[in-house]
Amino acid sequence: MANAGSRSLGDMIREARTRRGITLRALAEKFAKSASYISDIENDRRTPAEPFLRDICNVLSLDFDDAMALAGRIGDGAERELRRTPELGLLFRKLSDLPADDRDATIRRYLNEVERKLQS
């Protein structure tokens, strides 16, 4: 997952769109949306719904997980799982209590482990 830093979801989408030579209007037309709606997303005035964000990511070859992180969302499935599995909420709270450096290293370690399991 990319480090968000000062980069926003809108920045990510705009950079990918322009890198591919797609105009704002052309992207909007592809999804039957208004150019002003896409502009609002690129200027971080609106955050698209999860299914639309996935569609944008597919068209622009963006990493959906990175986009969700920049949007500040965990996803509908993850939210359902958090409600069903109290230990996930506990894990999140415990991670939040760690000092930033320890938290970041621990999160990276957990993410790497989960990725390995998903790939096997």
Protein backbone atom coordinates (compact mmCIF):
# COMPACT_ATOMS: atom_id res chain seq x y z
CA MET A 1 0.00 0.00 0.00
CA ALA A 2 1.33 3.45 -0.87
CA ASN A 3 2.07 6.01 1.75
CA ALA A 4 -0.58 8.68 1.47
CA GLY A 5 1.69 11.52 2.66
CA SER A 6 0.30 14.76 1.25
CA ARG A 7 -1.09 13.04 -1.84
CA SER A 8 -4.87 12.86 -1.97
CA LEU A 9 -7.30 10.57 -3.74
CA GLY A 10 -8.09 13.40 -6.16
CA ASP A 11 -4.39 13.86 -6.90
CA MET A 12 -4.01 10.13 -7.57
CA ILE A 13 -6.95 10.06 -9.98
CA ARG A 14 -5.99 13.29 -11.79
CA GLU A 15 -2.37 12.18 -12.22
CA ALA A 16 -3.42 8.79 -13.62
CA ARG A 17 -6.00 10.34 -15.95
CA THR A 18 -3.58 12.91 -17.37
CA ARG A 19 -0.75 10.36 -17.62
CA ARG A 20 -3.07 8.30 -19.85
CA GLY A 21 -4.06 11.33 -21.91
CA ILE A 22 -7.73 11.07 -20.94
CA THR A 23 -9.62 14.33 -20.67
CA LEU A 24 -11.90 15.08 -17.76
CA ARG A 25 -14.90 15.05 -20.11
CA ALA A 26 -13.90 11.74 -21.69
CA LEU A 27 -13.61 10.08 -18.28
CA ALA A 28 -16.95 11.53 -17.24
CA GLU A 29 -18.63 10.33 -20.44
CA LYS A 30 -17.23 6.83 -19.97
CA PHE A 31 -19.21 6.56 -16.73
CA ALA A 32 -22.22 8.67 -17.75
CA LYS A 33 -21.28 11.22 -15.10
CA SER A 34 -20.88 14.96 -15.37
CA ALA A 35 -17.45 16.50 -15.82
CA SER A 36 -18.14 18.65 -12.76
CA TYR A 37 -18.67 15.49 -10.67
CA ILE A 38 -15.31 14.08 -11.79
CA SER A 39 -13.73 17.49 -11.18
CA ASP A 40 -15.17 17.49 -7.64
CA ILE A 41 -13.55 14.08 -7.04
CA GLU A 42 -10.20 15.25 -8.43
CA ASN A 43 -10.34 18.37 -6.26
CA ASP A 44 -11.28 16.35 -3.17
CA ARG A 45 -14.69 17.97 -2.78
CA ARG A 46 -16.43 14.59 -3.17
CA THR A 47 -15.50 10.99 -2.53
CA PRO A 48 -17.00 8.46 -4.92
CA ALA A 49 -18.94 5.46 -3.68
CA GLU A 50 -16.91 2.27 -3.39
CA PRO A 51 -18.24 0.60 -6.59
CA PHE A 52 -17.60 3.73 -8.66
CA LEU A 53 -14.13 4.13 -7.15
CA ARG A 54 -13.38 0.53 -8.16
CA ASP A 55 -14.53 1.32 -11.72
CA ILE A 56 -12.30 4.40 -11.88
CA CYS A 57 -9.36 2.37 -10.59
CA ASN A 58 -9.96 -0.31 -13.22
CA VAL A 59 -10.07 2.20 -16.07
CA LEU A 60 -7.02 4.12 -14.85
CA SER A 61 -5.06 1.03 -13.71
CA LEU A 62 -4.88 2.27 -10.13
CA ASP A 63 -4.50 0.13 -7.03
CA PHE A 64 -7.95 -0.05 -5.45
CA ASP A 65 -6.59 -0.62 -1.93
CA ASP A 66 -4.41 2.49 -2.21
CA ALA A 67 -7.38 4.50 -3.48
CA MET A 68 -9.58 3.28 -0.62
CA ALA A 69 -6.88 4.23 1.88
CA LEU A 70 -6.59 7.71 0.38
CA ALA A 71 -10.38 8.00 0.51
CA GLY A 72 -10.28 7.16 4.21
CA ARG A 73 -12.48 4.11 3.71
CA ILE A 74 -12.09 0.51 4.73
CA GLY A 75 -14.76 -0.87 2.42
CA ASP A 76 -18.22 -2.32 2.89
CA GLY A 77 -16.97 -5.88 3.40
CA ALA A 78 -14.42 -4.80 5.99
CA GLU A 79 -17.04 -2.79 7.86
CA ARG A 80 -19.33 -5.83 7.99
CA GLU A 81 -16.44 -7.98 9.21
CA LEU A 82 -15.57 -5.44 11.92
CA ARG A 83 -19.14 -5.67 13.23
CA ARG A 84 -19.08 -9.50 13.14
CA THR A 85 -15.61 -9.96 14.61
CA PRO A 86 -15.02 -8.00 17.83
CA GLU A 87 -11.35 -9.04 17.84
CA LEU A 88 -10.75 -6.94 14.73
CA GLY A 89 -11.97 -3.85 16.54
CA LEU A 90 -9.77 -4.74 19.51
CA LEU A 91 -6.76 -5.20 17.21
CA PHE A 92 -7.41 -1.80 15.63
CA ARG A 93 -7.70 -0.11 19.03
CA LYS A 94 -4.49 -1.77 20.28
CA LEU A 95 -2.62 -0.75 17.12
CA SER A 96 -3.90 2.80 17.57
CA ASP A 97 -2.39 2.89 21.06
CA LEU A 98 1.14 2.09 19.82
CA PRO A 99 3.68 4.86 19.19
CA ALA A 100 3.63 5.82 15.50
CA ASP A 101 6.90 4.12 14.49
CA ASP A 102 5.99 0.88 16.26
CA ARG A 103 2.45 1.02 14.87
CA ASP A 104 3.64 1.53 11.28
CA ALA A 105 6.17 -1.31 11.50
CA THR A 106 3.62 -3.65 13.08
CA ILE A 107 0.99 -2.83 10.49
CA ARG A 108 3.47 -3.43 7.65
CA ARG A 109 4.43 -6.77 9.22
CA TYR A 110 0.76 -7.83 9.50
CA LEU A 111 0.01 -6.68 5.96
CA ASN A 112 2.95 -8.62 4.57
CA GLU A 113 1.81 -11.75 6.41
CA VAL A 114 -1.76 -11.41 5.12
CA GLU A 115 -0.51 -10.84 1.56
CA ARG A 116 1.60 -14.01 1.79
CA LYS A 117 -1.43 -15.99 2.96
CA LEU A 118 -3.61 -14.58 0.19
CA GLN A 119 -1.03 -15.55 -2.43
CA SER A 120 -0.61 -19.14 -1.22
